[in-house]
Amino acid sequence: MSSPRKALIAVALILSACAGADATPMVRARAAHDLVCAESTLRVDRELDGNYAAIGCGKRASYRALCEGTRCTVTRVGGP
């Protein structure tokens, strides 16, 4: 198998792993704490850039998720 083909396969595997990771539950839990709002009342939207927006209790917060496989780390963007 040629090197360019191996590289394309590796990129495809990485992209499919990223696409499969969904940090929504982690974002919801973090936002509930940050916004002092019940998880059940929060709406979490995945944005086009891969970030997340959490809206609830009259507040909004943005989050960035860094995922490796199915494990994600969530950090708030632009907030305390």
N, C-alpha and C. Protein backbone atom coordinates (compact mmCIF):
# COMPACT_ATOMS: atom_id res chain seq x y z
N MET A 1 0.86 -1.17 0.00
CA MET A 1 0.00 0.00 0.00
C MET A 1 0.90 1.24 0.00
N SER A 2 0.58 2.22 -0.84
CA SER A 2 1.43 3.41 -0.96
C SER A 2 1.25 4.34 0.24
N SER A 3 2.27 5.17 0.49
CA SER A 3 2.24 6.10 1.62
C SER A 3 1.09 7.10 1.53
N PRO A 4 0.81 7.70 0.35
CA PRO A 4 -0.33 8.63 0.29
C PRO A 4 -1.65 7.95 0.63
N ARG A 5 -1.78 6.71 0.21
CA ARG A 5 -3.02 5.98 0.52
C ARG A 5 -3.13 5.71 2.02
N LYS A 6 -2.01 5.33 2.64
CA LYS A 6 -2.00 5.11 4.09
C LYS A 6 -2.36 6.40 4.83
N ALA A 7 -1.82 7.51 4.34
CA ALA A 7 -2.10 8.80 4.98
C ALA A 7 -3.58 9.14 4.86
N LEU A 8 -4.18 8.90 3.72
CA LEU A 8 -5.61 9.17 3.53
C LEU A 8 -6.46 8.29 4.45
N ILE A 9 -6.08 7.05 4.60
CA ILE A 9 -6.81 6.14 5.48
C ILE A 9 -6.69 6.62 6.93
N ALA A 10 -5.50 7.04 7.33
CA ALA A 10 -5.30 7.54 8.69
C ALA A 10 -6.15 8.77 8.95
N VAL A 11 -6.18 9.69 8.00
CA VAL A 11 -7.00 10.91 8.15
C VAL A 11 -8.47 10.54 8.24
N ALA A 12 -8.92 9.62 7.43
CA ALA A 12 -10.32 9.21 7.47
C ALA A 12 -10.68 8.60 8.82
N LEU A 13 -9.79 7.79 9.37
CA LEU A 13 -10.05 7.19 10.69
C LEU A 13 -10.11 8.25 11.78
N ILE A 14 -9.22 9.22 11.73
CA ILE A 14 -9.22 10.30 12.72
C ILE A 14 -10.50 11.11 12.61
N LEU A 15 -10.89 11.47 11.40
CA LEU A 15 -12.11 12.26 11.22
C LEU A 15 -13.35 11.50 11.67
N SER A 16 -13.40 10.21 11.41
CA SER A 16 -14.57 9.44 11.82
C SER A 16 -14.63 9.33 13.34
N ALA A 17 -13.48 9.25 13.99
CA ALA A 17 -13.45 9.20 15.46
C ALA A 17 -13.94 10.51 16.04
N CYS A 18 -13.53 11.63 15.45
CA CYS A 18 -13.97 12.94 15.94
C CYS A 18 -15.46 13.14 15.72
N ALA A 19 -15.94 12.68 14.58
CA ALA A 19 -17.35 12.86 14.27
C ALA A 19 -18.22 12.05 15.21
N GLY A 20 -17.70 10.91 15.71
CA GLY A 20 -18.48 10.05 16.56
C GLY A 20 -18.57 10.53 18.00
N ALA A 21 -17.62 11.33 18.42
CA ALA A 21 -17.61 11.81 19.80
C ALA A 21 -18.67 12.90 19.98
N ASP A 22 -19.51 12.72 20.96
CA ASP A 22 -20.52 13.73 21.26
C ASP A 22 -20.37 14.13 22.72
N ALA A 23 -19.95 15.36 22.93
CA ALA A 23 -19.70 15.86 24.29
C ALA A 23 -20.94 16.48 24.92
N THR A 24 -22.09 16.37 24.28
CA THR A 24 -23.31 17.01 24.78
C THR A 24 -23.60 16.68 26.25
N PRO A 25 -23.54 15.42 26.68
CA PRO A 25 -23.82 15.14 28.09
C PRO A 25 -22.85 15.83 29.04
N MET A 26 -21.57 15.87 28.66
CA MET A 26 -20.58 16.54 29.51
C MET A 26 -20.79 18.05 29.53
N VAL A 27 -21.13 18.61 28.38
CA VAL A 27 -21.42 20.05 28.31
C VAL A 27 -22.63 20.37 29.17
N ARG A 28 -23.66 19.55 29.09
CA ARG A 28 -24.88 19.77 29.88
C ARG A 28 -24.57 19.78 31.38
N ALA A 29 -23.77 18.81 31.83
CA ALA A 29 -23.41 18.73 33.25
C ALA A 29 -22.58 19.94 33.68
N ARG A 30 -21.61 20.31 32.86
CA ARG A 30 -20.76 21.47 33.19
C ARG A 30 -21.58 22.75 33.19
N ALA A 31 -22.46 22.92 32.21
CA ALA A 31 -23.29 24.12 32.12
C ALA A 31 -24.26 24.22 33.29
N ALA A 32 -24.79 23.09 33.74
CA ALA A 32 -25.70 23.11 34.89
C ALA A 32 -24.99 23.69 36.10
N HIS A 33 -23.74 23.33 36.28
CA HIS A 33 -22.94 23.86 37.39
C HIS A 33 -22.63 25.34 37.17
N ASP A 34 -22.12 25.67 35.98
CA ASP A 34 -21.71 27.04 35.69
C ASP A 34 -22.86 28.04 35.72
N LEU A 35 -24.01 27.63 35.19
CA LEU A 35 -25.16 28.54 35.08
C LEU A 35 -26.12 28.43 36.26
N VAL A 36 -25.81 27.52 37.19
CA VAL A 36 -26.67 27.25 38.35
C VAL A 36 -28.10 27.03 37.82
N CYS A 37 -28.23 25.99 37.03
CA CYS A 37 -29.48 25.70 36.32
C CYS A 37 -29.62 24.18 36.22
N ALA A 38 -30.81 23.67 36.42
CA ALA A 38 -31.04 22.22 36.35
C ALA A 38 -30.72 21.69 34.95
N GLU A 39 -30.02 20.56 34.90
CA GLU A 39 -29.67 19.95 33.61
C GLU A 39 -30.89 19.75 32.72
N SER A 40 -31.99 19.36 33.32
CA SER A 40 -33.20 19.07 32.54
C SER A 40 -33.78 20.30 31.85
N THR A 41 -33.40 21.49 32.30
CA THR A 41 -33.95 22.71 31.69
C THR A 41 -32.99 23.33 30.67
N LEU A 42 -31.80 22.76 30.52
CA LEU A 42 -30.81 23.31 29.60
C LEU A 42 -30.99 22.78 28.19
N ARG A 43 -30.79 23.65 27.23
CA ARG A 43 -30.72 23.24 25.82
C ARG A 43 -29.25 23.35 25.41
N VAL A 44 -28.72 22.29 24.84
CA VAL A 44 -27.32 22.28 24.39
C VAL A 44 -27.32 22.08 22.89
N ASP A 45 -26.69 23.03 22.20
CA ASP A 45 -26.60 22.97 20.73
C ASP A 45 -25.16 22.82 20.31
N ARG A 46 -24.91 21.91 19.39
CA ARG A 46 -23.57 21.77 18.81
C ARG A 46 -23.49 22.75 17.65
N GLU A 47 -22.51 23.63 17.69
CA GLU A 47 -22.37 24.66 16.66
C GLU A 47 -21.50 24.15 15.51
N LEU A 48 -21.53 24.86 14.39
CA LEU A 48 -20.81 24.44 13.20
C LEU A 48 -19.31 24.31 13.41
N ASP A 49 -18.75 25.13 14.29
CA ASP A 49 -17.30 25.08 14.52
C ASP A 49 -16.89 24.00 15.50
N GLY A 50 -17.85 23.18 15.93
CA GLY A 50 -17.54 22.10 16.86
C GLY A 50 -17.69 22.49 18.32
N ASN A 51 -17.88 23.77 18.58
CA ASN A 51 -18.13 24.22 19.95
C ASN A 51 -19.59 23.95 20.30
N TYR A 52 -19.93 24.18 21.56
CA TYR A 52 -21.29 23.95 22.03
C TYR A 52 -21.81 25.21 22.70
N ALA A 53 -23.12 25.41 22.61
CA ALA A 53 -23.78 26.50 23.31
C ALA A 53 -24.80 25.89 24.26
N ALA A 54 -24.78 26.35 25.50
CA ALA A 54 -25.76 25.89 26.50
C ALA A 54 -26.62 27.08 26.87
N ILE A 55 -27.94 26.88 26.81
CA ILE A 55 -28.89 27.95 27.08
C ILE A 55 -29.91 27.45 28.09
N GLY A 56 -30.13 28.25 29.14
CA GLY A 56 -31.11 27.88 30.13
C GLY A 56 -31.13 28.86 31.28
N CYS A 57 -32.27 28.98 31.95
CA CYS A 57 -32.43 29.86 33.11
C CYS A 57 -32.08 31.30 32.77
N GLY A 58 -32.36 31.70 31.54
CA GLY A 58 -32.09 33.07 31.11
C GLY A 58 -30.62 33.38 30.89
N LYS A 59 -29.79 32.34 30.77
CA LYS A 59 -28.35 32.52 30.60
C LYS A 59 -27.86 31.71 29.41
N ARG A 60 -26.66 32.05 28.95
CA ARG A 60 -26.03 31.34 27.83
C ARG A 60 -24.53 31.21 28.12
N ALA A 61 -23.97 30.08 27.76
CA ALA A 61 -22.53 29.86 27.90
C ALA A 61 -22.03 29.05 26.70
N SER A 62 -20.79 29.32 26.32
CA SER A 62 -20.17 28.59 25.21
C SER A 62 -19.09 27.67 25.76
N TYR A 63 -18.95 26.51 25.12
CA TYR A 63 -17.98 25.51 25.55
C TYR A 63 -17.23 24.94 24.37
N ARG A 64 -15.98 24.54 24.63
CA ARG A 64 -15.16 23.86 23.64
C ARG A 64 -14.89 22.46 24.18
N ALA A 65 -15.07 21.49 23.32
CA ALA A 65 -14.82 20.10 23.71
C ALA A 65 -13.65 19.57 22.90
N LEU A 66 -12.68 19.00 23.59
CA LEU A 66 -11.56 18.34 22.94
C LEU A 66 -11.73 16.84 23.20
N CYS A 67 -11.92 16.11 22.10
CA CYS A 67 -12.21 14.69 22.24
C CYS A 67 -11.11 13.84 21.62
N GLU A 68 -10.79 12.76 22.30
CA GLU A 68 -9.90 11.73 21.78
C GLU A 68 -10.69 10.44 21.83
N GLY A 69 -11.09 9.98 20.67
CA GLY A 69 -11.97 8.81 20.63
C GLY A 69 -13.32 9.19 21.22
N THR A 70 -13.70 8.50 22.27
CA THR A 70 -14.99 8.81 22.91
C THR A 70 -14.82 9.58 24.21
N ARG A 71 -13.58 9.94 24.56
CA ARG A 71 -13.30 10.69 25.79
C ARG A 71 -13.16 12.17 25.46
N CYS A 72 -13.89 13.01 26.16
CA CYS A 72 -13.86 14.45 25.90
C CYS A 72 -13.55 15.26 27.15
N THR A 73 -12.88 16.39 26.95
CA THR A 73 -12.65 17.36 28.00
C THR A 73 -13.37 18.63 27.59
N VAL A 74 -14.18 19.17 28.50
CA VAL A 74 -15.00 20.35 28.19
C VAL A 74 -14.48 21.55 28.97
N THR A 75 -14.29 22.67 28.26
CA THR A 75 -13.90 23.92 28.91
C THR A 75 -14.83 25.04 28.46
N ARG A 76 -15.10 25.94 29.38
CA ARG A 76 -15.95 27.08 29.06
C ARG A 76 -15.13 28.11 28.30
N VAL A 77 -15.75 28.73 27.31
CA VAL A 77 -15.10 29.73 26.48
C VAL A 77 -15.65 31.10 26.86
N GLY A 78 -14.79 32.02 27.19
CA GLY A 78 -15.20 33.40 27.44
C GLY A 78 -16.00 33.61 28.72
N GLY A 79 -15.83 32.78 29.69
CA GLY A 79 -16.57 32.95 30.93
C GLY A 79 -15.73 32.55 32.12
N PRO A 80 -16.27 32.76 33.29
CA PRO A 80 -15.53 32.40 34.50
C PRO A 80 -15.37 30.90 34.67
